[in-house]
Amino acid sequence: MLKEFKAFIMTGNVVDLAIAVLLAGAAGLVVSGFVADIMMPIVGHFTGGMDFAELKITLSDPVLEVLAEDGTVITPGVAENAIMYGKWINALINLVIVGFVLFMIVKAMNKMKKKKEEAPAAPPAPSKEEVLLGEIRDLLKNK
């Protein structure tokens, strides 16, 4: 069973898939960095400097800790409870931009692929009979 597993893992498809997953992760980081560091500031500029990540609907305000005079905690603090819809808007914008970038990459790759396919094929080499007939013709011309 170990030999079968080794043969399975070493097949070209599994190795290709592993490489594709690693490259996709790296490409995802590049695209995410592009969106977060380049595109989102531009979107923020055109929306008046608004940072969508800060948009929220507060359901309950935070409660601070209440301390006694001796420093003991009487009431523990409670964090704010809010629906962070701005982060969701950021995620949607990120999805649209990433989708567009990937579309442009695939479109460019397909364009390059078509150019390679359109290259004319080299004419086939003459057969042995054609070569011999050509030699005979040349000998007859010389006589």
Protein backbone atom coordinates (compact mmCIF):
# COMPACT_ATOMS: atom_id res chain seq x y z
CA MET A 1 0.00 0.00 0.00
CA LEU A 2 2.92 2.36 0.69
CA LYS A 3 4.27 1.76 -2.83
CA GLU A 4 0.87 2.54 -4.33
CA PHE A 5 0.66 5.75 -2.31
CA LYS A 6 4.17 6.78 -3.40
CA ALA A 7 3.27 6.08 -7.04
CA PHE A 8 0.08 8.10 -6.67
CA ILE A 9 1.83 11.07 -5.05
CA MET A 10 4.60 11.12 -7.64
CA THR A 11 2.27 11.13 -10.65
CA GLY A 12 2.40 14.25 -12.72
CA ASN A 13 -1.18 15.30 -11.95
CA VAL A 14 -0.68 15.41 -8.18
CA VAL A 15 2.64 17.26 -8.44
CA ASP A 16 1.10 19.72 -10.93
CA LEU A 17 -1.84 20.27 -8.59
CA ALA A 18 0.49 20.92 -5.63
CA ILE A 19 2.47 23.45 -7.65
CA ALA A 20 -0.74 25.12 -8.82
CA VAL A 21 -2.02 25.43 -5.24
CA LEU A 22 1.24 27.01 -4.07
CA LEU A 23 1.32 29.41 -7.00
CA ALA A 24 -2.32 30.31 -6.46
CA GLY A 25 -1.56 31.15 -2.83
CA ALA A 26 1.33 33.38 -3.86
CA ALA A 27 -0.73 35.01 -6.61
CA GLY A 28 -3.54 35.54 -4.12
CA LEU A 29 -1.18 37.43 -1.83
CA VAL A 30 0.00 39.60 -4.71
CA VAL A 31 -3.53 40.38 -5.86
CA SER A 32 -4.74 41.01 -2.30
CA GLY A 33 -1.82 43.37 -1.74
CA PHE A 34 -2.62 45.14 -5.01
CA VAL A 35 -6.24 45.58 -3.99
CA ALA A 36 -5.56 46.62 -0.38
CA ASP A 37 -2.54 48.84 -0.97
CA ILE A 38 -3.22 50.34 -4.40
CA MET A 39 -6.87 50.07 -5.42
CA MET A 40 -8.65 50.65 -2.09
CA PRO A 41 -6.90 54.00 -1.44
CA ILE A 42 -8.01 55.08 -4.93
CA VAL A 43 -11.59 53.97 -4.20
CA GLY A 44 -11.39 55.78 -0.86
CA HIS A 45 -10.18 58.94 -2.60
CA PHE A 46 -13.15 58.96 -4.97
CA THR A 47 -15.59 58.33 -2.11
CA GLY A 48 -14.36 61.35 -0.17
CA GLY A 49 -11.77 59.56 1.96
CA MET A 50 -14.29 57.15 3.41
CA ASP A 51 -12.95 53.93 4.88
CA PHE A 52 -15.66 51.34 4.43
CA ALA A 53 -14.16 49.10 7.13
CA GLU A 54 -15.34 51.57 9.80
CA LEU A 55 -19.01 51.48 8.74
CA LYS A 56 -21.16 49.63 11.26
CA ILE A 57 -24.52 49.43 12.95
CA THR A 58 -24.05 49.45 16.71
CA LEU A 59 -26.39 47.10 18.53
CA SER A 60 -25.06 47.81 22.01
CA ASP A 61 -22.44 50.26 23.23
CA PRO A 62 -19.33 49.09 25.04
CA VAL A 63 -19.39 49.08 28.82
CA LEU A 64 -16.26 50.11 30.67
CA GLU A 65 -14.98 48.34 33.73
CA VAL A 66 -16.11 49.81 37.01
CA LEU A 67 -13.39 49.71 39.66
CA ALA A 68 -13.74 50.07 43.38
CA GLU A 69 -11.50 52.50 45.29
CA ASP A 70 -9.14 49.65 46.16
CA GLY A 71 -8.75 48.70 42.45
CA THR A 72 -10.92 45.62 42.41
CA VAL A 73 -13.28 45.13 39.49
CA ILE A 74 -16.92 45.67 40.41
CA THR A 75 -18.35 45.35 36.87
CA PRO A 76 -16.31 43.77 34.05
CA GLY A 77 -16.15 45.58 30.74
CA VAL A 78 -18.24 44.44 27.79
CA ALA A 79 -17.12 44.97 24.20
CA GLU A 80 -19.25 46.77 21.66
CA ASN A 81 -21.73 44.63 19.76
CA ALA A 82 -22.00 45.83 16.15
CA ILE A 83 -22.76 44.66 12.63
CA MET A 84 -19.64 45.53 10.62
CA TYR A 85 -21.22 45.90 7.18
CA GLY A 86 -18.34 48.10 5.99
CA LYS A 87 -15.93 45.16 6.09
CA TRP A 88 -18.42 43.23 3.94
CA ILE A 89 -18.49 46.11 1.42
CA ASN A 90 -14.67 46.00 1.36
CA ALA A 91 -14.83 42.27 0.69
CA LEU A 92 -17.26 42.82 -2.22
CA ILE A 93 -15.05 45.52 -3.74
CA ASN A 94 -12.07 43.21 -3.27
CA LEU A 95 -13.93 40.39 -5.05
CA VAL A 96 -14.83 42.60 -8.02
CA ILE A 97 -11.28 43.91 -8.39
CA VAL A 98 -9.68 40.47 -8.01
CA GLY A 99 -12.13 39.02 -10.51
CA PHE A 100 -11.33 41.78 -13.00
CA VAL A 101 -7.57 41.32 -12.58
CA LEU A 102 -7.86 37.56 -13.08
CA PHE A 103 -10.09 38.12 -16.12
CA MET A 104 -7.43 40.39 -17.65
CA ILE A 105 -4.68 37.82 -16.94
CA VAL A 106 -6.67 34.98 -18.55
CA LYS A 107 -7.56 37.20 -21.50
CA ALA A 108 -3.87 38.05 -22.06
CA MET A 109 -2.89 34.39 -21.78
CA ASN A 110 -5.54 33.36 -24.31
CA LYS A 111 -4.35 36.07 -26.70
CA MET A 112 -0.76 34.79 -26.44
CA LYS A 113 -1.96 31.22 -26.92
CA LYS A 114 -3.81 32.13 -30.13
CA LYS A 115 -0.69 33.71 -31.62
CA LYS A 116 1.24 30.49 -31.06
CA GLU A 117 -1.54 28.40 -32.63
CA GLU A 118 -1.79 30.67 -35.68
CA ALA A 119 1.86 30.18 -36.62
CA PRO A 120 1.95 28.20 -39.89
CA ALA A 121 3.23 24.67 -39.72
CA ALA A 122 6.46 23.87 -41.52
CA PRO A 123 5.95 22.00 -44.78
CA PRO A 124 6.53 18.27 -44.45
CA ALA A 125 9.88 16.88 -45.53
CA PRO A 126 9.86 15.14 -48.92
CA SER A 127 9.56 11.36 -48.91
CA LYS A 128 12.37 9.05 -50.03
CA GLU A 129 10.66 8.51 -53.37
CA GLU A 130 10.42 12.25 -54.02
CA VAL A 131 14.11 12.72 -53.15
CA LEU A 132 15.12 9.89 -55.52
CA LEU A 133 12.90 11.23 -58.30
CA GLY A 134 14.47 14.68 -57.84
CA GLU A 135 17.97 13.19 -58.13
CA ILE A 136 16.99 11.28 -61.26
CA ARG A 137 15.52 14.45 -62.78
CA ASP A 138 18.73 16.39 -62.00
CA LEU A 139 20.88 13.64 -63.60
CA LEU A 140 18.72 13.63 -66.72
CA LYS A 141 18.99 17.42 -67.01
CA ASN A 142 22.79 17.22 -66.85
CA LYS A 143 23.01 14.76 -69.80
